[in-house]
Amino acid sequence: MQHCHTKVSTQFASKYLQQLCKHFAHKVTVEFDTTTGRVTFPGGLCFMLAEEEGLSFFCEAYVDEGVPRMKSVIDSHLIKFAWREEIAIEWQDGLPDPLPVDKLPSLKEFTVQ
């Protein structure tokens, strides 16, 4: 399994999370509310967490091309939805330690080795 994560600083984290999830739901399985999202992409799983200071993404890929694909899809759509502001998306390999399972319990679904 490959993992990556990022946190994008924005005041509109909840708005973007909901826009992304509604859009992705046209093609893949999605579950979301105003602060959390779970997207099952063909090559992996992505969790989103909207907080006051920004929108976090935590991804797990099941196939080799899964991480680059998820990053590309998320980046292109987030940039499109956030066109009114300049956002910086800087992905990091792996997952943060510790995982914020207190804020997003679904992260326990990840296969962390």
N, C-alpha and C. Protein backbone atom coordinates (compact mmCIF):
# COMPACT_ATOMS: atom_id res chain seq x y z
N MET A 1 0.85 -1.19 0.00
CA MET A 1 0.00 0.00 0.00
C MET A 1 0.89 1.25 0.00
N GLN A 2 0.46 2.21 -0.75
CA GLN A 2 1.13 3.50 -0.78
C GLN A 2 0.19 4.52 -0.14
N HIS A 3 0.79 5.47 0.57
CA HIS A 3 0.00 6.51 1.24
C HIS A 3 0.57 7.88 0.90
N CYS A 4 -0.30 8.88 0.96
CA CYS A 4 0.12 10.27 0.85
C CYS A 4 -0.90 11.13 1.59
N HIS A 5 -0.50 12.36 1.88
CA HIS A 5 -1.43 13.28 2.54
C HIS A 5 -1.01 14.72 2.25
N THR A 6 -1.95 15.62 2.45
CA THR A 6 -1.70 17.04 2.33
C THR A 6 -2.74 17.81 3.11
N LYS A 7 -2.41 19.05 3.43
CA LYS A 7 -3.37 19.96 4.05
C LYS A 7 -3.31 21.27 3.29
N VAL A 8 -4.45 21.70 2.79
CA VAL A 8 -4.55 22.91 2.00
C VAL A 8 -5.17 24.00 2.87
N SER A 9 -4.46 25.10 3.02
CA SER A 9 -4.97 26.21 3.82
C SER A 9 -6.05 26.95 3.05
N THR A 10 -7.22 27.05 3.65
CA THR A 10 -8.35 27.76 3.04
C THR A 10 -9.41 28.02 4.11
N GLN A 11 -10.14 29.09 3.91
CA GLN A 11 -11.27 29.40 4.80
C GLN A 11 -12.54 28.67 4.35
N PHE A 12 -12.47 28.02 3.20
CA PHE A 12 -13.65 27.40 2.61
C PHE A 12 -13.55 25.88 2.56
N ALA A 13 -12.92 25.30 3.55
CA ALA A 13 -12.66 23.86 3.56
C ALA A 13 -13.94 23.04 3.43
N SER A 14 -14.95 23.35 4.19
CA SER A 14 -16.19 22.59 4.14
C SER A 14 -16.86 22.72 2.77
N LYS A 15 -16.87 23.92 2.24
CA LYS A 15 -17.47 24.15 0.92
C LYS A 15 -16.76 23.30 -0.14
N TYR A 16 -15.43 23.32 -0.14
CA TYR A 16 -14.68 22.56 -1.14
C TYR A 16 -14.84 21.05 -0.95
N LEU A 17 -14.85 20.61 0.30
CA LEU A 17 -15.05 19.18 0.57
C LEU A 17 -16.38 18.72 -0.03
N GLN A 18 -17.43 19.47 0.22
CA GLN A 18 -18.75 19.10 -0.29
C GLN A 18 -18.81 19.17 -1.82
N GLN A 19 -18.19 20.18 -2.41
CA GLN A 19 -18.17 20.28 -3.88
C GLN A 19 -17.43 19.09 -4.49
N LEU A 20 -16.26 18.78 -3.93
CA LEU A 20 -15.48 17.66 -4.45
C LEU A 20 -16.26 16.36 -4.33
N CYS A 21 -16.83 16.12 -3.17
CA CYS A 21 -17.56 14.87 -2.95
C CYS A 21 -18.78 14.75 -3.85
N LYS A 22 -19.53 15.82 -4.00
CA LYS A 22 -20.70 15.78 -4.90
C LYS A 22 -20.26 15.51 -6.33
N HIS A 23 -19.18 16.13 -6.74
CA HIS A 23 -18.68 15.93 -8.10
C HIS A 23 -18.18 14.50 -8.30
N PHE A 24 -17.36 14.02 -7.37
CA PHE A 24 -16.82 12.66 -7.49
C PHE A 24 -17.92 11.60 -7.44
N ALA A 25 -19.02 11.90 -6.74
CA ALA A 25 -20.12 10.94 -6.60
C ALA A 25 -20.78 10.60 -7.93
N HIS A 26 -20.54 11.38 -8.97
CA HIS A 26 -21.08 11.06 -10.29
C HIS A 26 -20.41 9.82 -10.89
N LYS A 27 -19.18 9.50 -10.41
CA LYS A 27 -18.44 8.39 -11.01
C LYS A 27 -17.97 7.32 -10.02
N VAL A 28 -17.82 7.68 -8.74
CA VAL A 28 -17.31 6.72 -7.76
C VAL A 28 -18.16 6.78 -6.49
N THR A 29 -17.91 5.84 -5.60
CA THR A 29 -18.65 5.79 -4.33
C THR A 29 -18.10 6.84 -3.37
N VAL A 30 -19.02 7.63 -2.81
CA VAL A 30 -18.65 8.74 -1.93
C VAL A 30 -19.60 8.78 -0.74
N GLU A 31 -19.05 9.06 0.42
CA GLU A 31 -19.84 9.34 1.63
C GLU A 31 -19.29 10.63 2.21
N PHE A 32 -20.17 11.56 2.60
CA PHE A 32 -19.66 12.81 3.16
C PHE A 32 -20.72 13.53 3.97
N ASP A 33 -20.21 14.43 4.79
CA ASP A 33 -21.05 15.40 5.50
C ASP A 33 -20.32 16.74 5.39
N THR A 34 -20.58 17.69 6.27
CA THR A 34 -19.97 19.01 6.13
C THR A 34 -18.49 19.05 6.54
N THR A 35 -18.03 18.05 7.29
CA THR A 35 -16.64 18.08 7.75
C THR A 35 -15.79 16.89 7.34
N THR A 36 -16.40 15.81 6.89
CA THR A 36 -15.62 14.64 6.51
C THR A 36 -16.11 14.06 5.19
N GLY A 37 -15.18 13.44 4.48
CA GLY A 37 -15.53 12.79 3.23
C GLY A 37 -14.74 11.51 3.05
N ARG A 38 -15.34 10.55 2.37
CA ARG A 38 -14.70 9.27 2.05
C ARG A 38 -14.99 8.98 0.59
N VAL A 39 -13.92 8.90 -0.22
CA VAL A 39 -14.06 8.68 -1.66
C VAL A 39 -13.33 7.40 -2.02
N THR A 40 -14.04 6.48 -2.66
CA THR A 40 -13.43 5.23 -3.11
C THR A 40 -13.11 5.36 -4.59
N PHE A 41 -11.87 5.70 -4.88
CA PHE A 41 -11.40 5.80 -6.26
C PHE A 41 -11.10 4.40 -6.78
N PRO A 42 -11.00 4.21 -8.10
CA PRO A 42 -10.68 2.88 -8.63
C PRO A 42 -9.37 2.31 -8.09
N GLY A 43 -8.38 3.17 -7.84
CA GLY A 43 -7.09 2.68 -7.37
C GLY A 43 -6.81 2.87 -5.91
N GLY A 44 -7.80 3.34 -5.14
CA GLY A 44 -7.53 3.56 -3.72
C GLY A 44 -8.64 4.31 -3.01
N LEU A 45 -8.33 4.75 -1.82
CA LEU A 45 -9.29 5.37 -0.92
C LEU A 45 -8.76 6.71 -0.45
N CYS A 46 -9.63 7.72 -0.38
CA CYS A 46 -9.23 9.04 0.09
C CYS A 46 -10.22 9.53 1.14
N PHE A 47 -9.67 9.99 2.25
CA PHE A 47 -10.48 10.63 3.29
C PHE A 47 -10.17 12.11 3.29
N MET A 48 -11.19 12.93 3.54
CA MET A 48 -11.03 14.38 3.61
C MET A 48 -11.54 14.85 4.97
N LEU A 49 -10.88 15.87 5.48
CA LEU A 49 -11.25 16.46 6.76
C LEU A 49 -11.23 17.98 6.63
N ALA A 50 -12.39 18.61 6.81
CA ALA A 50 -12.50 20.06 6.75
C ALA A 50 -12.45 20.62 8.17
N GLU A 51 -11.51 21.52 8.36
CA GLU A 51 -11.37 22.20 9.66
C GLU A 51 -11.29 23.70 9.40
N GLU A 52 -11.30 24.50 10.46
CA GLU A 52 -11.23 25.95 10.32
C GLU A 52 -10.02 26.40 9.53
N GLU A 53 -8.89 25.76 9.75
CA GLU A 53 -7.64 26.20 9.13
C GLU A 53 -7.36 25.59 7.76
N GLY A 54 -8.16 24.63 7.33
CA GLY A 54 -7.93 24.08 6.00
C GLY A 54 -8.58 22.73 5.75
N LEU A 55 -8.28 22.19 4.57
CA LEU A 55 -8.83 20.92 4.12
C LEU A 55 -7.71 19.91 3.99
N SER A 56 -7.82 18.80 4.72
CA SER A 56 -6.80 17.75 4.69
C SER A 56 -7.28 16.57 3.86
N PHE A 57 -6.32 15.93 3.19
CA PHE A 57 -6.57 14.74 2.39
C PHE A 57 -5.62 13.64 2.86
N PHE A 58 -6.14 12.44 3.02
CA PHE A 58 -5.36 11.27 3.42
C PHE A 58 -5.70 10.17 2.42
N CYS A 59 -4.70 9.69 1.69
CA CYS A 59 -4.96 8.74 0.61
C CYS A 59 -4.19 7.43 0.80
N GLU A 60 -4.83 6.35 0.38
CA GLU A 60 -4.20 5.03 0.37
C GLU A 60 -4.46 4.42 -1.00
N ALA A 61 -3.39 3.98 -1.68
CA ALA A 61 -3.51 3.40 -3.01
C ALA A 61 -3.31 1.90 -2.94
N TYR A 62 -4.11 1.19 -3.73
CA TYR A 62 -4.03 -0.27 -3.79
C TYR A 62 -3.20 -0.73 -4.97
N VAL A 63 -2.97 0.16 -5.93
CA VAL A 63 -2.19 -0.16 -7.12
C VAL A 63 -1.09 0.88 -7.28
N ASP A 64 -0.04 0.54 -8.01
CA ASP A 64 1.11 1.42 -8.14
C ASP A 64 0.76 2.82 -8.65
N GLU A 65 -0.12 2.90 -9.63
CA GLU A 65 -0.45 4.21 -10.20
C GLU A 65 -1.53 4.94 -9.40
N GLY A 66 -1.99 4.35 -8.30
CA GLY A 66 -3.07 4.93 -7.51
C GLY A 66 -2.77 6.28 -6.91
N VAL A 67 -1.59 6.43 -6.29
CA VAL A 67 -1.25 7.70 -5.64
C VAL A 67 -1.14 8.83 -6.66
N PRO A 68 -0.35 8.68 -7.72
CA PRO A 68 -0.28 9.79 -8.68
C PRO A 68 -1.63 10.13 -9.31
N ARG A 69 -2.44 9.11 -9.54
CA ARG A 69 -3.77 9.35 -10.12
C ARG A 69 -4.67 10.13 -9.17
N MET A 70 -4.71 9.71 -7.91
CA MET A 70 -5.55 10.42 -6.94
C MET A 70 -5.07 11.86 -6.76
N LYS A 71 -3.76 12.05 -6.64
CA LYS A 71 -3.23 13.41 -6.51
C LYS A 71 -3.66 14.28 -7.69
N SER A 72 -3.53 13.75 -8.88
CA SER A 72 -3.86 14.50 -10.09
C SER A 72 -5.34 14.86 -10.13
N VAL A 73 -6.20 13.91 -9.83
CA VAL A 73 -7.64 14.15 -9.86
C VAL A 73 -8.03 15.17 -8.79
N ILE A 74 -7.52 15.00 -7.59
CA ILE A 74 -7.84 15.92 -6.49
C ILE A 74 -7.31 17.32 -6.81
N ASP A 75 -6.04 17.39 -7.24
CA ASP A 75 -5.44 18.70 -7.54
C ASP A 75 -6.24 19.45 -8.60
N SER A 76 -6.52 18.80 -9.72
CA SER A 76 -7.19 19.49 -10.82
C SER A 76 -8.59 19.97 -10.42
N HIS A 77 -9.32 19.15 -9.70
CA HIS A 77 -10.67 19.55 -9.30
C HIS A 77 -10.66 20.61 -8.21
N LEU A 78 -9.76 20.48 -7.24
CA LEU A 78 -9.70 21.49 -6.17
C LEU A 78 -9.30 22.85 -6.74
N ILE A 79 -8.34 22.87 -7.66
CA ILE A 79 -7.92 24.13 -8.27
C ILE A 79 -9.09 24.75 -9.04
N LYS A 80 -9.87 23.92 -9.71
CA LYS A 80 -11.03 24.42 -10.45
C LYS A 80 -12.07 25.01 -9.50
N PHE A 81 -12.36 24.32 -8.41
CA PHE A 81 -13.38 24.79 -7.47
C PHE A 81 -12.91 25.99 -6.66
N ALA A 82 -11.61 26.11 -6.44
CA ALA A 82 -11.06 27.20 -5.61
C ALA A 82 -10.48 28.32 -6.47
N TRP A 83 -11.04 28.55 -7.63
CA TRP A 83 -10.48 29.51 -8.57
C TRP A 83 -10.43 30.94 -8.02
N ARG A 84 -11.19 31.24 -7.01
CA ARG A 84 -11.21 32.60 -6.46
C ARG A 84 -10.03 32.89 -5.54
N GLU A 85 -9.29 31.88 -5.18
CA GLU A 85 -8.16 32.09 -4.27
C GLU A 85 -6.95 31.29 -4.75
N GLU A 86 -5.79 31.73 -4.32
CA GLU A 86 -4.58 31.00 -4.65
C GLU A 86 -4.37 29.95 -3.57
N ILE A 87 -4.36 28.70 -3.97
CA ILE A 87 -4.14 27.64 -3.00
C ILE A 87 -2.85 26.90 -3.34
N ALA A 88 -2.21 26.41 -2.30
CA ALA A 88 -0.99 25.63 -2.48
C ALA A 88 -1.27 24.20 -2.05
N ILE A 89 -0.97 23.26 -2.95
CA ILE A 89 -1.18 21.85 -2.65
C ILE A 89 0.20 21.18 -2.66
N GLU A 90 0.66 20.80 -1.49
CA GLU A 90 1.98 20.17 -1.37
C GLU A 90 1.81 18.80 -0.73
N TRP A 91 1.81 17.77 -1.56
CA TRP A 91 1.62 16.41 -1.09
C TRP A 91 2.87 15.89 -0.39
N GLN A 92 2.64 15.06 0.60
CA GLN A 92 3.73 14.38 1.30
C GLN A 92 3.49 12.88 1.23
N ASP A 93 4.58 12.14 1.04
CA ASP A 93 4.46 10.69 1.05
C ASP A 93 4.15 10.19 2.45
N GLY A 94 3.50 9.05 2.53
CA GLY A 94 3.17 8.47 3.82
C GLY A 94 1.98 9.15 4.46
N LEU A 95 1.77 8.84 5.73
CA LEU A 95 0.68 9.43 6.49
C LEU A 95 1.27 10.16 7.69
N PRO A 96 0.58 11.16 8.20
CA PRO A 96 1.10 11.87 9.38
C PRO A 96 1.10 10.94 10.58
N ASP A 97 2.02 11.19 11.48
CA ASP A 97 2.09 10.40 12.71
C ASP A 97 1.98 11.36 13.89
N PRO A 98 0.93 11.26 14.64
CA PRO A 98 -0.14 10.27 14.59
C PRO A 98 -1.23 10.67 13.60
N LEU A 99 -1.98 9.68 13.16
CA LEU A 99 -3.15 9.94 12.34
C LEU A 99 -4.21 10.63 13.20
N PRO A 100 -4.91 11.61 12.68
CA PRO A 100 -5.93 12.31 13.49
C PRO A 100 -7.23 11.52 13.60
N VAL A 101 -7.16 10.29 14.14
CA VAL A 101 -8.35 9.45 14.24
C VAL A 101 -9.37 10.02 15.24
N ASP A 102 -8.93 10.92 16.11
CA ASP A 102 -9.88 11.56 17.02
C ASP A 102 -10.83 12.48 16.25
N LYS A 103 -10.35 13.06 15.15
CA LYS A 103 -11.18 13.94 14.33
C LYS A 103 -11.82 13.19 13.17
N LEU A 104 -11.18 12.11 12.73
CA LEU A 104 -11.65 11.35 11.57
C LEU A 104 -11.45 9.86 11.86
N PRO A 105 -12.35 9.27 12.65
CA PRO A 105 -12.20 7.85 13.04
C PRO A 105 -12.09 6.88 11.88
N SER A 106 -12.63 7.23 10.71
CA SER A 106 -12.56 6.33 9.55
C SER A 106 -11.14 6.05 9.09
N LEU A 107 -10.19 6.87 9.50
CA LEU A 107 -8.79 6.63 9.11
C LEU A 107 -8.29 5.29 9.62
N LYS A 108 -9.00 4.69 10.57
CA LYS A 108 -8.61 3.37 11.08
C LYS A 108 -8.76 2.30 9.98
N GLU A 109 -9.46 2.64 8.90
CA GLU A 109 -9.63 1.70 7.79
C GLU A 109 -8.34 1.50 7.00
N PHE A 110 -7.42 2.45 7.11
CA PHE A 110 -6.17 2.33 6.35
C PHE A 110 -5.34 1.16 6.82
N THR A 111 -4.60 0.59 5.89
CA THR A 111 -3.69 -0.51 6.16
C THR A 111 -2.33 0.10 6.45
N VAL A 112 -2.06 0.41 7.69
CA VAL A 112 -0.79 1.04 8.05
C VAL A 112 0.16 -0.06 8.51
N GLN A 113 1.31 -0.12 7.82
CA GLN A 113 2.28 -1.17 8.13
C GLN A 113 3.41 -0.62 8.96
